[in-house]
Protein backbone atom coordinates (compact mmCIF):
# COMPACT_ATOMS: atom_id res chain seq x y z
CA UNK A 1 -24.83 -76.26 -13.78
CA UNK A 2 -28.45 -77.38 -13.71
CA UNK A 3 -29.58 -80.96 -14.26
CA UNK A 4 -32.70 -82.27 -15.99
CA UNK A 5 -33.63 -83.84 -12.66
CA UNK A 6 -33.16 -80.74 -10.49
CA UNK A 7 -36.12 -78.79 -9.06
CA UNK A 8 -37.06 -75.47 -10.67
CA UNK A 9 -39.34 -72.54 -9.88
CA UNK A 10 -42.03 -72.01 -12.52
CA UNK A 11 -43.95 -68.87 -11.67
CA UNK A 12 -45.36 -69.38 -8.19
CA UNK A 13 -44.79 -73.17 -8.19
CA UNK A 14 -41.77 -75.30 -7.28
CA UNK A 15 -41.44 -78.23 -9.67
CA UNK A 16 -39.72 -81.47 -8.64
CA UNK A 17 -37.76 -81.73 -11.90
CA UNK A 18 -37.32 -80.09 -15.29
CA UNK A 19 -39.26 -82.68 -17.28
CA UNK A 20 -42.70 -81.67 -18.52
CA UNK A 21 -45.41 -83.81 -20.02
CA UNK A 22 -46.41 -82.10 -23.28
CA UNK A 23 -50.09 -81.66 -24.24
CA UNK A 24 -51.47 -84.70 -26.07
CA UNK A 25 -54.96 -84.81 -27.57
CA UNK A 26 -56.67 -88.07 -26.59
CA UNK A 27 -60.38 -87.73 -27.60
CA UNK A 28 -61.67 -89.61 -24.58
CA UNK A 29 -64.01 -87.14 -22.88
CA UNK A 30 -67.55 -87.48 -24.28
CA UNK A 31 -69.63 -84.36 -23.76
CA UNK A 32 -66.42 -82.35 -23.19
CA UNK A 33 -66.36 -83.53 -19.57
CA UNK A 34 -63.29 -85.16 -17.96
CA UNK A 35 -64.05 -88.62 -16.57
CA UNK A 36 -62.45 -91.46 -14.60
CA UNK A 37 -60.08 -92.27 -17.45
CA UNK A 38 -58.70 -88.73 -17.43
CA UNK A 39 -58.19 -88.91 -13.67
CA UNK A 40 -56.26 -92.19 -13.88
CA UNK A 41 -54.19 -91.06 -16.87
CA UNK A 42 -52.92 -87.85 -15.34
CA UNK A 43 -52.48 -89.28 -11.86
CA UNK A 44 -50.21 -92.01 -13.28
CA UNK A 45 -47.94 -89.36 -14.81
CA UNK A 46 -47.73 -87.04 -11.79
CA UNK A 47 -43.97 -87.59 -11.40
CA UNK A 48 -43.44 -85.14 -14.28
CA UNK A 49 -42.20 -81.79 -13.01
CA UNK A 50 -45.20 -80.30 -14.79
CA UNK A 51 -48.08 -81.96 -16.62
CA UNK A 52 -49.59 -79.87 -19.39
CA UNK A 53 -53.00 -81.26 -20.25
CA UNK A 54 -54.40 -82.09 -23.63
CA UNK A 55 -55.76 -79.08 -25.49
CA UNK A 56 -58.89 -77.89 -23.68
CA UNK A 57 -61.35 -75.70 -25.63
CA UNK A 58 -62.38 -72.44 -24.00
CA UNK A 59 -65.81 -72.59 -25.68
CA UNK A 60 -67.70 -74.90 -28.01
CA UNK A 61 -66.75 -72.54 -30.84
CA UNK A 62 -63.13 -73.24 -29.91
CA UNK A 63 -63.58 -77.01 -30.26
CA UNK A 64 -62.11 -78.73 -33.29
CA UNK A 65 -62.07 -82.40 -32.36
CA UNK A 66 -64.71 -84.72 -30.95
CA UNK A 67 -64.66 -85.83 -27.32
CA UNK A 68 -61.97 -83.49 -26.04
CA UNK A 69 -62.48 -82.09 -22.53
CA UNK A 70 -63.50 -78.44 -22.27
CA UNK A 71 -63.51 -75.72 -19.64
CA UNK A 72 -66.79 -74.00 -20.51
CA UNK A 73 -69.32 -76.25 -18.74
CA UNK A 74 -69.79 -76.42 -14.95
CA UNK A 75 -69.66 -80.22 -15.20
CA UNK A 76 -66.29 -79.98 -16.96
CA UNK A 77 -64.85 -77.80 -14.20
CA UNK A 78 -66.02 -80.38 -11.65
CA UNK A 79 -64.43 -83.15 -13.73
CA UNK A 80 -61.14 -81.26 -13.86
CA UNK A 81 -61.25 -80.76 -10.08
CA UNK A 82 -61.04 -84.53 -9.73
CA UNK A 83 -58.02 -84.60 -12.06
CA UNK A 84 -56.11 -81.82 -10.33
CA UNK A 85 -56.85 -83.28 -6.90
CA UNK A 86 -55.49 -86.68 -7.96
CA UNK A 87 -52.34 -85.15 -9.45
CA UNK A 88 -51.71 -83.00 -6.38
CA UNK A 89 -52.30 -85.96 -4.05
CA UNK A 90 -49.62 -87.83 -6.03
CA UNK A 91 -47.21 -84.92 -5.54
CA UNK A 92 -47.46 -83.41 -9.02
CA UNK A 93 -48.18 -80.06 -10.63
CA UNK A 94 -50.53 -79.58 -13.56
CA UNK A 95 -51.33 -76.83 -16.08
CA UNK A 96 -54.23 -76.78 -18.50
CA UNK A 97 -53.74 -75.87 -22.15
CA UNK A 98 -56.31 -73.27 -23.20
CA UNK A 99 -57.34 -73.93 -26.78
CA UNK A 100 -59.29 -72.23 -29.52
CA UNK A 101 -58.82 -74.10 -32.79
CA UNK A 102 -60.12 -71.38 -35.11
CA UNK A 103 -60.49 -72.82 -38.61
CA UNK A 104 -59.33 -76.35 -37.66
CA UNK A 105 -62.85 -77.57 -36.98
CA UNK A 106 -65.93 -79.07 -38.57
CA UNK A 107 -69.46 -77.75 -38.73
CA UNK A 108 -70.70 -80.83 -36.84
CA UNK A 109 -68.65 -79.68 -33.82
CA UNK A 110 -69.72 -76.03 -33.89
CA UNK A 111 -72.73 -74.47 -32.12
CA UNK A 112 -75.76 -74.82 -34.39
CA UNK A 113 -73.67 -76.37 -37.15
CA UNK A 114 -72.11 -72.99 -37.92
CA UNK A 115 -68.92 -72.42 -39.88
CA UNK A 116 -65.68 -72.35 -37.84
CA UNK A 117 -64.13 -68.91 -37.32
CA UNK A 118 -60.71 -67.69 -38.42
CA UNK A 119 -58.78 -64.46 -39.01
CA UNK A 120 -59.56 -64.85 -42.72
CA UNK A 121 -61.88 -67.10 -44.69
CA UNK A 122 -59.16 -69.46 -45.88
CA UNK A 123 -59.87 -73.17 -45.65
CA UNK A 124 -57.13 -75.33 -44.12
CA UNK A 125 -55.79 -78.33 -45.99
CA UNK A 126 -56.11 -80.39 -42.84
CA UNK A 127 -58.18 -82.99 -41.03
CA UNK A 128 -60.12 -83.09 -37.82
CA UNK A 129 -61.68 -85.88 -35.78
CA UNK A 130 -65.46 -86.31 -35.64
CA UNK A 131 -67.96 -88.89 -34.42
CA UNK A 132 -70.16 -90.42 -37.11
CA UNK A 133 -73.90 -91.03 -36.71
CA UNK A 134 -73.19 -94.70 -35.92
CA UNK A 135 -70.91 -93.73 -33.05
CA UNK A 136 -67.63 -94.53 -34.77
CA UNK A 137 -64.83 -91.97 -34.93
CA UNK A 138 -63.25 -90.78 -38.16
CA UNK A 139 -60.93 -88.11 -39.51
CA UNK A 140 -62.64 -85.61 -41.82
CA UNK A 141 -61.63 -82.56 -43.84
CA UNK A 142 -61.94 -79.30 -41.95
CA UNK A 143 -64.87 -77.09 -42.91
CA UNK A 144 -64.77 -73.76 -44.73
CA UNK A 145 -64.29 -71.02 -42.09
CA UNK A 146 -65.69 -67.52 -41.95
CA UNK A 147 -63.60 -64.48 -41.09
CA UNK A 148 -64.12 -63.01 -37.63
CA UNK A 149 -65.54 -59.51 -37.61
CA UNK A 150 -63.38 -57.15 -35.58
CA UNK A 151 -66.37 -56.60 -33.27
CA UNK A 152 -66.24 -60.30 -32.28
CA UNK A 153 -62.66 -60.25 -31.01
CA UNK A 154 -63.40 -58.74 -27.57
CA UNK A 155 -65.84 -61.59 -26.98
CA UNK A 156 -63.17 -64.19 -27.69
CA UNK A 157 -60.77 -62.38 -25.36
CA UNK A 158 -63.47 -62.59 -22.71
CA UNK A 159 -63.79 -66.32 -23.40
CA UNK A 160 -60.08 -66.73 -22.70
CA UNK A 161 -60.35 -64.70 -19.50
CA UNK A 162 -63.32 -66.72 -18.29
CA UNK A 163 -61.57 -70.02 -19.10
CA UNK A 164 -58.46 -68.94 -17.18
CA UNK A 165 -60.58 -68.20 -14.12
CA UNK A 166 -62.33 -71.56 -14.51
CA UNK A 167 -58.90 -73.23 -14.64
CA UNK A 168 -57.88 -71.72 -11.32
CA UNK A 169 -61.27 -72.65 -9.84
CA UNK A 170 -60.65 -76.23 -11.04
CA UNK A 171 -57.36 -76.37 -9.13
CA UNK A 172 -54.82 -76.02 -11.94
CA UNK A 173 -51.41 -74.66 -10.99
CA UNK A 174 -51.09 -72.74 -14.27
CA UNK A 175 -52.49 -72.32 -17.75
CA UNK A 176 -50.73 -72.68 -21.09
CA UNK A 177 -52.07 -70.50 -23.89
CA UNK A 178 -52.08 -72.60 -27.06
CA UNK A 179 -50.57 -70.29 -29.68
CA UNK A 180 -49.01 -73.10 -31.74
CA UNK A 181 -49.71 -75.71 -34.41
CA UNK A 182 -51.91 -73.69 -36.73
CA UNK A 183 -54.78 -73.00 -34.32
CA UNK A 184 -56.54 -69.65 -33.84
CA UNK A 185 -53.77 -67.56 -32.26
CA UNK A 186 -51.21 -69.04 -34.65
CA UNK A 187 -53.57 -68.28 -37.55
CA UNK A 188 -53.52 -64.60 -36.57
CA UNK A 189 -49.72 -64.64 -36.35
CA UNK A 190 -48.97 -66.04 -39.79
CA UNK A 191 -49.18 -64.05 -43.01
CA UNK A 192 -50.41 -67.05 -45.01
CA UNK A 193 -53.51 -67.47 -42.83
CA UNK A 194 -54.07 -63.83 -41.89
CA UNK A 195 -55.09 -61.63 -44.83
CA UNK A 196 -56.85 -59.02 -42.70
CA UNK A 197 -56.53 -55.32 -43.49
CA UNK A 198 -57.57 -54.01 -40.07
CA UNK A 199 -55.58 -53.61 -36.82
CA UNK A 200 -55.09 -57.41 -36.62
CA UNK A 201 -53.50 -57.97 -40.03
CA UNK A 202 -50.72 -56.84 -42.31
CA UNK A 203 -47.65 -55.83 -40.32
CA UNK A 204 -45.95 -58.05 -37.76
CA UNK A 205 -47.04 -55.62 -35.06
CA UNK A 206 -50.66 -56.08 -36.10
CA UNK A 207 -50.46 -59.86 -36.52
CA UNK A 208 -49.08 -60.39 -33.01
CA UNK A 209 -51.74 -58.10 -31.52
CA UNK A 210 -54.32 -60.82 -30.88
CA UNK A 211 -51.80 -63.08 -29.14
CA UNK A 212 -50.68 -60.25 -26.87
CA UNK A 213 -54.27 -59.30 -26.07
CA UNK A 214 -55.01 -62.91 -25.08
CA UNK A 215 -51.94 -62.93 -22.82
CA UNK A 216 -52.98 -59.61 -21.28
CA UNK A 217 -56.54 -60.77 -20.62
CA UNK A 218 -55.34 -63.90 -18.85
CA UNK A 219 -52.51 -62.26 -16.92
CA UNK A 220 -54.89 -59.59 -15.65
CA UNK A 221 -57.29 -62.29 -14.48
CA UNK A 222 -55.05 -64.90 -12.83
CA UNK A 223 -51.54 -63.41 -12.75
CA UNK A 224 -48.44 -63.78 -14.89
CA UNK A 225 -46.97 -66.32 -12.48
CA UNK A 226 -49.73 -68.77 -13.46
CA UNK A 227 -49.54 -68.09 -17.21
CA UNK A 228 -47.45 -69.71 -19.96
CA UNK A 229 -47.65 -69.84 -23.74
CA UNK A 230 -46.77 -72.40 -26.41
CA UNK A 231 -45.46 -71.43 -29.86
CA UNK A 232 -44.29 -73.36 -32.94
CA UNK A 233 -42.41 -70.99 -35.25
CA UNK A 234 -41.78 -73.34 -38.20
CA UNK A 235 -44.28 -76.16 -37.89
CA UNK A 236 -46.39 -76.97 -40.96
CA UNK A 237 -49.07 -78.50 -38.71
CA UNK A 238 -52.63 -77.79 -39.80
CA UNK A 239 -51.48 -76.03 -42.97
CA UNK A 240 -49.61 -73.37 -40.99
CA UNK A 241 -46.95 -71.33 -42.76
CA UNK A 242 -45.32 -67.93 -42.84
CA UNK A 243 -42.80 -66.69 -45.40
CA UNK A 244 -40.47 -65.20 -42.77
CA UNK A 245 -41.02 -66.71 -39.30
CA UNK A 246 -37.82 -65.49 -37.59
CA UNK A 247 -38.67 -61.77 -37.33
CA UNK A 248 -42.29 -62.62 -36.58
CA UNK A 249 -41.55 -64.84 -33.60
CA UNK A 250 -38.64 -62.72 -32.39
CA UNK A 251 -41.05 -59.79 -32.25
CA UNK A 252 -43.61 -61.88 -30.41
CA UNK A 253 -41.24 -63.07 -27.68
CA UNK A 254 -39.76 -59.59 -27.31
CA UNK A 255 -43.27 -58.31 -26.60
CA UNK A 256 -43.95 -61.21 -24.23
CA UNK A 257 -40.86 -60.29 -22.19
CA UNK A 258 -42.72 -57.44 -20.50
CA UNK A 259 -45.36 -59.76 -18.99
CA UNK A 260 -43.14 -61.79 -16.64
CA UNK A 261 -44.79 -65.06 -17.68
CA UNK A 262 -44.19 -68.35 -15.87
CA UNK A 263 -42.96 -70.18 -18.99
CA UNK A 264 -42.57 -70.09 -22.76
CA UNK A 265 -42.92 -73.48 -24.44
CA UNK A 266 -41.24 -73.73 -27.86
CA UNK A 267 -41.83 -76.51 -30.40
CA UNK A 268 -38.59 -76.76 -32.36
CA UNK A 269 -39.13 -77.86 -35.95
CA UNK A 270 -42.16 -79.68 -37.35
CA UNK A 271 -44.49 -80.81 -34.58
CA UNK A 272 -43.96 -84.56 -34.14
CA UNK A 273 -41.56 -84.55 -37.09
CA UNK A 274 -38.12 -83.32 -38.17
CA UNK A 275 -36.39 -80.75 -36.00
CA UNK A 276 -34.68 -79.20 -39.04
CA UNK A 277 -37.58 -78.85 -41.50
CA UNK A 278 -36.85 -75.14 -42.00
CA UNK A 279 -33.92 -72.89 -41.07
CA UNK A 280 -34.51 -71.12 -37.77
CA UNK A 281 -32.24 -69.63 -35.12
CA UNK A 282 -33.58 -71.14 -31.91
CA UNK A 283 -30.81 -69.66 -29.78
CA UNK A 284 -31.53 -66.29 -31.37
CA UNK A 285 -35.20 -66.57 -30.41
CA UNK A 286 -34.33 -67.13 -26.78
CA UNK A 287 -31.68 -64.39 -26.89
CA UNK A 288 -34.23 -61.93 -28.27
CA UNK A 289 -36.52 -62.72 -25.35
CA UNK A 290 -33.80 -62.50 -22.69
CA UNK A 291 -32.42 -59.26 -24.20
CA UNK A 292 -35.75 -57.60 -23.42
CA UNK A 293 -35.60 -58.76 -19.81
CA UNK A 294 -37.73 -61.87 -20.19
CA UNK A 295 -37.24 -64.26 -17.27
CA UNK A 296 -39.77 -67.02 -17.94
CA UNK A 297 -38.77 -70.68 -17.82
CA UNK A 298 -37.71 -71.58 -21.37
CA UNK A 299 -39.20 -74.97 -22.21
CA UNK A 300 -38.33 -76.85 -25.41
CA UNK A 301 -40.06 -79.70 -27.21
CA UNK A 302 -39.97 -82.00 -30.23
CA UNK A 303 -37.83 -85.05 -30.82
CA UNK A 304 -35.92 -84.91 -27.55
CA UNK A 305 -34.42 -88.10 -26.15
CA UNK A 306 -32.59 -88.54 -22.86
CA UNK A 307 -29.20 -87.44 -24.14
CA UNK A 308 -30.46 -84.38 -25.98
CA UNK A 309 -32.66 -83.31 -23.06
CA UNK A 310 -29.81 -83.58 -20.55
CA UNK A 311 -27.55 -81.58 -22.87
CA UNK A 312 -30.19 -78.88 -23.41
CA UNK A 313 -30.56 -78.20 -19.70
CA UNK A 314 -26.91 -78.61 -18.69
CA UNK A 315 -25.77 -76.26 -21.47
CA UNK A 316 -28.34 -73.63 -20.48
CA UNK A 317 -29.99 -73.83 -23.89
CA UNK A 318 -33.24 -74.63 -22.11
CA UNK A 319 -34.60 -74.63 -18.57
CA UNK A 320 -37.03 -77.51 -19.12
CA UNK A 321 -37.77 -80.15 -21.75
CA UNK A 322 -41.22 -81.53 -22.54
CA UNK A 323 -41.91 -85.02 -23.82
CA UNK A 324 -45.08 -86.11 -25.58
CA UNK A 325 -45.60 -89.61 -26.98
CA UNK A 326 -43.00 -91.11 -24.63
CA UNK A 327 -45.27 -90.20 -21.71
CA UNK A 328 -48.16 -92.17 -23.21
CA UNK A 329 -46.27 -95.45 -23.14
CA UNK A 330 -44.13 -94.63 -20.09
CA UNK A 331 -46.19 -93.19 -17.24
CA UNK A 332 -43.01 -93.35 -15.12
CA UNK A 333 -40.90 -91.62 -17.77
CA UNK A 334 -39.06 -89.46 -15.22
CA UNK A 335 -37.79 -92.54 -13.35
CA UNK A 336 -36.85 -94.29 -16.58
CA UNK A 337 -34.89 -91.29 -17.81
CA UNK A 338 -33.16 -90.86 -14.47
CA UNK A 339 -32.12 -94.53 -14.34
CA UNK A 340 -31.47 -94.73 -18.09
CA UNK A 341 -33.91 -97.65 -18.12
CA UNK A 342 -35.47 -99.12 -21.28
CA UNK A 343 -38.58 -97.37 -22.60
CA UNK A 344 -41.88 -99.01 -23.52
CA UNK A 345 -42.65 -98.66 -27.20
CA UNK A 346 -45.77 -96.64 -27.89
CA UNK A 347 -48.73 -98.37 -29.51
CA UNK A 348 -50.33 -95.90 -31.94
CA UNK A 349 -53.60 -97.83 -31.72
CA UNK A 350 -54.00 -96.47 -28.20
CA UNK A 351 -53.41 -92.82 -29.09
CA UNK A 352 -56.97 -91.76 -29.99
CA UNK A 353 -60.56 -92.73 -29.47
CA UNK A 354 -61.40 -96.33 -28.74
CA UNK A 355 -57.98 -97.71 -27.85
CA UNK A 356 -58.44 -96.92 -24.20
CA UNK A 357 -56.82 -100.07 -22.82
CA UNK A 358 -53.31 -98.91 -23.68
CA UNK A 359 -54.12 -95.48 -22.33
CA UNK A 360 -53.72 -96.55 -18.70
CA UNK A 361 -52.18 -100.01 -18.83
CA UNK A 362 -48.62 -99.51 -20.01
CA UNK A 363 -46.29 -101.19 -17.48
CA UNK A 364 -44.24 -99.15 -15.04
CA UNK A 365 -40.77 -100.13 -13.92
CA UNK A 366 -42.12 -101.54 -10.68
CA UNK A 367 -44.61 -103.73 -12.56
CA UNK A 368 -42.19 -104.87 -15.25
CA UNK A 369 -39.22 -105.60 -12.98
């Protein structure tokens, strides 16, 4: 029987434990370049078996929020090198989340003030984060997107390939393809956001095509043992919905089984909200993947506490568990969970933008003892 605190192999890497730090958007990298704050933040949390970084746009077109770090500028790659070096020096492992937001963007964030792109020209009932002319940050409605022409898709696949290579050059141990939470890949997957009539729309086989092509492009570039993917079958995040998610996501993971990925990261329920917002057979999803020979580490997320995480791993329901907000306020979360120690309460004022003080200064057990 495995324990939450046991080591595990994830692709080519040996992780110290089965606790992952989930991706958490922080909006603290002006110019899309990681800085000293990013270095300190990730270094402090290096005791996680695996850190998965905040969403990191593969291009400016893929950016949907102000001041998030990217992977498309040479200066950003150099900034990430400092982060990965610090995490590795502290004994940790770190993956970068490769992100294209699709329609969840604003014209002020796009190259030349252009419209965001999407599978179909359907505006999301959602918000994004921008910087006003006076330098203050604010949430704003997403802009009207335009539908991608089929001739543009190979270029986006190339953007993913190039970003994966940049990630390896920056020293990351792995990449996580962001196919969750209503962003571009998820928009292709779901019938309510994908009204295309070409090879990328209509049937489930067609709607999963883009996701599989992204996986293939990245696996061919850096190897399956450095590649993972994140999905969120029933989340309503960013106006995401599908009338019948079970067969859709079962088909997706069945197809993924042939790629021998390092991990599959599953958000169970509504991202950051209820775990039971819609009926879904989570065990059936995993079983569908394993039945096709899939061997990736099965990582679960959303609303896990110590007891539920321990049960998930010991029962074999999951191989790893990722924690999000708890890692913001508890840099030493692994130690606290292991010792069943009290947890610092998160201060939402430090989550985004200007609340940087709480970003690095939550007390650790050693400091608070």
